[in-house]
Structure formats: structure tokens, C-alpha cells
């Protein structure tokens, strides 16, 4: 059996990604009202694509921008409790 006790650290996030993430957190109340239970793509502190599935938002965003780097996030409309 493969030892999974050690996983390499994730690569560092870019400054742009961090800025987009902080903008999203600061605006989460508005995003939750406008885009509940939807995936959003954020570029330059603006929502550039919205949809019900991650794939459709990812594809739409890649068609709109030249960069492969963007923030893709699911905006929960309610508080959900996940368990296994």
C-alpha cells in the first residue's frame, strides 16, 4: 500500500490569485445574493462568467480571457453541512 502520510506542499498562489480571492471574500454577501448556488469566475475583481456547473464556467472564462489563471469558486446560497 502506498504511504500517503506525506503529501508535497501545494505550489504557491500567485499575487493576482490572492488579490482576486480577497476581493471575493470582501464581496461575498453581494455575490451570495446575486449568484446563489452557482459557480463564478473572477478576473480583475469582476465576475466574468456564471453557471450551474464548474465545467461550463471554466470553458466560458477561457474563451473570454487569454490567461489560464482565474479564480473559480462555488457560491453557496445557504449554509450547508457536509458529512461522510
N, C-alpha and C. Protein backbone atom coordinates (compact mmCIF):
# COMPACT_ATOMS: atom_id res chain seq x y z
N UNK A 1 0.84 -1.18 0.00
CA UNK A 1 0.00 0.00 0.00
C UNK A 1 0.88 1.24 0.00
N UNK A 2 0.49 2.22 -0.78
CA UNK A 2 1.25 3.46 -0.91
C UNK A 2 1.10 4.31 0.35
N UNK A 3 2.22 4.86 0.82
CA UNK A 3 2.21 5.72 2.01
C UNK A 3 1.74 7.12 1.62
N UNK A 4 0.58 7.52 2.10
CA UNK A 4 0.04 8.84 1.80
C UNK A 4 0.19 9.81 2.97
N UNK A 5 1.01 9.42 3.95
CA UNK A 5 1.15 10.28 5.12
C UNK A 5 1.88 11.59 4.78
N UNK A 6 2.65 11.59 3.71
CA UNK A 6 3.33 12.82 3.30
C UNK A 6 2.85 13.21 1.91
N UNK A 7 2.34 14.39 1.81
CA UNK A 7 2.00 14.94 0.52
C UNK A 7 2.83 16.20 0.32
N UNK A 8 3.35 16.42 -0.88
CA UNK A 8 4.15 17.63 -1.09
C UNK A 8 3.28 18.87 -0.94
N UNK A 9 3.87 19.98 -0.53
CA UNK A 9 3.08 21.20 -0.38
C UNK A 9 2.55 21.68 -1.72
N UNK A 10 1.43 22.36 -1.65
CA UNK A 10 0.84 22.93 -2.86
C UNK A 10 1.74 24.05 -3.37
N UNK A 11 1.77 24.28 -4.66
CA UNK A 11 2.58 25.38 -5.18
C UNK A 11 2.04 26.72 -4.67
N UNK A 12 2.90 27.70 -4.52
CA UNK A 12 2.42 29.00 -4.03
C UNK A 12 1.44 29.63 -5.02
N UNK A 13 0.47 30.32 -4.47
CA UNK A 13 -0.51 31.00 -5.30
C UNK A 13 0.07 32.33 -5.77
N UNK A 14 -0.34 32.74 -6.93
CA UNK A 14 0.18 33.99 -7.47
C UNK A 14 -0.44 35.18 -6.72
N UNK A 15 0.21 36.30 -6.84
CA UNK A 15 -0.28 37.53 -6.22
C UNK A 15 -1.66 37.89 -6.78
N UNK A 16 -1.83 37.73 -8.09
CA UNK A 16 -3.11 38.04 -8.74
C UNK A 16 -4.23 37.17 -8.17
N UNK A 17 -3.97 35.87 -8.04
CA UNK A 17 -4.97 34.95 -7.50
C UNK A 17 -5.35 35.36 -6.07
N UNK A 18 -4.35 35.68 -5.27
CA UNK A 18 -4.62 36.10 -3.88
C UNK A 18 -5.47 37.36 -3.84
N UNK A 19 -5.19 38.32 -4.72
CA UNK A 19 -5.97 39.55 -4.76
C UNK A 19 -7.42 39.27 -5.14
N UNK A 20 -7.61 38.38 -6.13
CA UNK A 20 -8.96 38.01 -6.55
C UNK A 20 -9.70 37.32 -5.41
N UNK A 21 -9.01 36.44 -4.70
CA UNK A 21 -9.63 35.71 -3.59
C UNK A 21 -10.06 36.67 -2.48
N UNK A 22 -9.20 37.61 -2.13
CA UNK A 22 -9.55 38.57 -1.07
C UNK A 22 -10.70 39.47 -1.50
N UNK A 23 -10.72 39.86 -2.77
CA UNK A 23 -11.84 40.65 -3.28
C UNK A 23 -13.14 39.85 -3.15
N UNK A 24 -13.09 38.57 -3.51
CA UNK A 24 -14.26 37.72 -3.42
C UNK A 24 -14.76 37.65 -1.97
N UNK A 25 -13.85 37.44 -1.03
CA UNK A 25 -14.25 37.37 0.38
C UNK A 25 -14.88 38.67 0.86
N UNK A 26 -14.31 39.80 0.45
CA UNK A 26 -14.85 41.09 0.84
C UNK A 26 -16.25 41.33 0.27
N UNK A 27 -16.55 40.72 -0.87
CA UNK A 27 -17.82 40.92 -1.55
C UNK A 27 -18.74 39.71 -1.48
N UNK A 28 -18.47 38.79 -0.58
CA UNK A 28 -19.23 37.55 -0.51
C UNK A 28 -20.71 37.76 -0.26
N UNK A 29 -21.09 38.74 0.54
CA UNK A 29 -22.51 38.98 0.79
C UNK A 29 -23.25 39.32 -0.51
N UNK A 30 -22.68 40.18 -1.32
CA UNK A 30 -23.31 40.55 -2.59
C UNK A 30 -23.30 39.36 -3.54
N UNK A 31 -22.19 38.67 -3.62
CA UNK A 31 -22.09 37.50 -4.51
C UNK A 31 -23.12 36.44 -4.14
N UNK A 32 -23.33 36.25 -2.85
CA UNK A 32 -24.30 35.24 -2.39
C UNK A 32 -25.72 35.64 -2.76
N UNK A 33 -26.02 36.93 -2.71
CA UNK A 33 -27.36 37.41 -3.09
C UNK A 33 -27.60 37.28 -4.59
N UNK A 34 -26.58 37.62 -5.37
CA UNK A 34 -26.74 37.67 -6.82
C UNK A 34 -26.55 36.31 -7.49
N UNK A 35 -25.62 35.50 -6.99
CA UNK A 35 -25.27 34.23 -7.63
C UNK A 35 -25.39 33.02 -6.70
N UNK A 36 -26.52 32.84 -6.01
CA UNK A 36 -26.61 31.72 -5.06
C UNK A 36 -26.53 30.37 -5.77
N UNK A 37 -25.78 29.46 -5.18
CA UNK A 37 -25.65 28.08 -5.68
C UNK A 37 -25.19 28.02 -7.13
N UNK A 38 -24.24 28.90 -7.47
CA UNK A 38 -23.67 28.90 -8.82
C UNK A 38 -22.15 29.02 -8.74
N UNK A 39 -21.51 28.55 -9.79
CA UNK A 39 -20.08 28.73 -9.96
C UNK A 39 -19.84 30.11 -10.57
N UNK A 40 -18.83 30.80 -10.09
CA UNK A 40 -18.45 32.08 -10.67
C UNK A 40 -16.96 32.08 -11.00
N UNK A 41 -16.61 32.79 -12.05
CA UNK A 41 -15.21 33.02 -12.39
C UNK A 41 -14.94 34.50 -12.19
N UNK A 42 -13.85 34.79 -11.51
CA UNK A 42 -13.50 36.17 -11.20
C UNK A 42 -12.15 36.50 -11.83
N UNK A 43 -12.13 37.61 -12.58
CA UNK A 43 -10.92 38.10 -13.23
C UNK A 43 -10.89 39.60 -13.05
N UNK A 44 -9.77 40.14 -12.61
CA UNK A 44 -9.62 41.58 -12.38
C UNK A 44 -10.73 42.13 -11.49
N UNK A 45 -11.05 41.37 -10.46
CA UNK A 45 -12.04 41.76 -9.45
C UNK A 45 -13.42 41.99 -10.06
N UNK A 46 -13.75 41.20 -11.08
CA UNK A 46 -15.06 41.23 -11.71
C UNK A 46 -15.50 39.81 -12.00
N UNK A 47 -16.79 39.57 -11.88
CA UNK A 47 -17.35 38.28 -12.26
C UNK A 47 -17.46 38.27 -13.78
N UNK A 48 -16.79 37.31 -14.42
CA UNK A 48 -16.78 37.26 -15.89
C UNK A 48 -17.61 36.11 -16.45
N UNK A 49 -17.95 35.13 -15.62
CA UNK A 49 -18.79 34.02 -16.07
C UNK A 49 -19.48 33.41 -14.87
N UNK A 50 -20.71 32.92 -15.10
CA UNK A 50 -21.52 32.33 -14.05
C UNK A 50 -22.25 31.13 -14.64
N UNK A 51 -22.41 30.08 -13.84
CA UNK A 51 -23.17 28.93 -14.32
C UNK A 51 -23.39 27.90 -13.24
N UNK A 52 -24.19 26.91 -13.57
CA UNK A 52 -24.54 25.84 -12.62
C UNK A 52 -23.46 24.77 -12.51
N UNK A 53 -22.62 24.65 -13.54
CA UNK A 53 -21.56 23.64 -13.47
C UNK A 53 -20.19 24.29 -13.59
N UNK A 54 -19.24 23.66 -12.95
CA UNK A 54 -17.87 24.16 -12.97
C UNK A 54 -17.32 24.18 -14.39
N UNK A 55 -17.60 23.11 -15.13
CA UNK A 55 -17.08 22.99 -16.49
C UNK A 55 -17.56 24.07 -17.42
N UNK A 56 -18.85 24.40 -17.35
CA UNK A 56 -19.36 25.43 -18.26
C UNK A 56 -18.77 26.79 -17.95
N UNK A 57 -18.56 27.09 -16.67
CA UNK A 57 -17.97 28.38 -16.29
C UNK A 57 -16.50 28.42 -16.67
N UNK A 58 -15.82 27.32 -16.47
CA UNK A 58 -14.41 27.24 -16.83
C UNK A 58 -14.23 27.44 -18.33
N UNK A 59 -15.03 26.76 -19.13
CA UNK A 59 -14.92 26.89 -20.59
C UNK A 59 -15.28 28.30 -21.06
N UNK A 60 -16.34 28.88 -20.51
CA UNK A 60 -16.74 30.23 -20.90
C UNK A 60 -15.66 31.24 -20.55
N UNK A 61 -15.03 31.07 -19.41
CA UNK A 61 -13.99 32.01 -18.97
C UNK A 61 -12.77 31.90 -19.88
N UNK A 62 -12.38 30.69 -20.22
CA UNK A 62 -11.21 30.51 -21.10
C UNK A 62 -11.43 31.12 -22.48
N UNK A 63 -12.68 31.14 -22.93
CA UNK A 63 -12.98 31.77 -24.22
C UNK A 63 -12.91 33.29 -24.14
N UNK A 64 -13.17 33.85 -22.95
CA UNK A 64 -13.21 35.31 -22.78
C UNK A 64 -11.85 35.93 -22.49
N UNK A 65 -10.97 35.18 -21.82
CA UNK A 65 -9.70 35.77 -21.41
C UNK A 65 -8.54 34.98 -22.00
N UNK A 66 -7.39 35.62 -22.11
CA UNK A 66 -6.20 34.97 -22.68
C UNK A 66 -5.39 34.21 -21.64
N UNK A 67 -5.64 34.45 -20.38
CA UNK A 67 -4.87 33.81 -19.33
C UNK A 67 -5.57 32.53 -18.87
N UNK A 68 -4.78 31.57 -18.46
CA UNK A 68 -5.37 30.35 -17.90
C UNK A 68 -5.59 30.51 -16.40
N UNK A 69 -5.14 31.62 -15.84
CA UNK A 69 -5.27 31.83 -14.40
C UNK A 69 -6.47 32.71 -14.09
N UNK A 70 -7.39 32.15 -13.32
CA UNK A 70 -8.55 32.90 -12.85
C UNK A 70 -9.11 32.18 -11.64
N UNK A 71 -9.89 32.90 -10.87
CA UNK A 71 -10.49 32.33 -9.67
C UNK A 71 -11.83 31.73 -10.05
N UNK A 72 -12.01 30.47 -9.71
CA UNK A 72 -13.24 29.75 -9.97
C UNK A 72 -13.76 29.27 -8.62
N UNK A 73 -14.99 29.66 -8.27
CA UNK A 73 -15.48 29.40 -6.91
C UNK A 73 -16.99 29.13 -6.94
N UNK A 74 -17.42 28.20 -6.08
CA UNK A 74 -18.85 27.91 -5.94
C UNK A 74 -19.42 28.78 -4.83
N UNK A 75 -20.42 29.59 -5.15
CA UNK A 75 -21.05 30.49 -4.18
C UNK A 75 -22.27 29.76 -3.60
N UNK A 76 -22.18 29.40 -2.35
CA UNK A 76 -23.30 28.70 -1.70
C UNK A 76 -24.38 29.70 -1.31
N UNK A 77 -25.62 29.38 -1.65
CA UNK A 77 -26.74 30.25 -1.33
C UNK A 77 -27.20 30.11 0.10
N UNK A 78 -26.93 28.98 0.68
CA UNK A 78 -27.29 28.71 2.07
C UNK A 78 -26.08 28.12 2.77
N UNK A 79 -26.20 27.93 4.05
CA UNK A 79 -25.15 27.23 4.78
C UNK A 79 -25.44 25.74 4.69
N UNK A 80 -24.48 25.00 4.18
CA UNK A 80 -24.62 23.57 4.05
C UNK A 80 -23.72 22.86 5.05
N UNK A 81 -24.15 21.72 5.53
CA UNK A 81 -23.34 20.89 6.41
C UNK A 81 -23.00 19.63 5.65
N UNK A 82 -21.72 19.37 5.45
CA UNK A 82 -21.28 18.20 4.73
C UNK A 82 -20.75 17.16 5.71
N UNK A 83 -21.09 15.93 5.49
CA UNK A 83 -20.57 14.87 6.35
C UNK A 83 -20.32 13.63 5.51
N UNK A 84 -19.59 12.69 6.08
CA UNK A 84 -19.36 11.45 5.36
C UNK A 84 -19.89 10.28 6.10
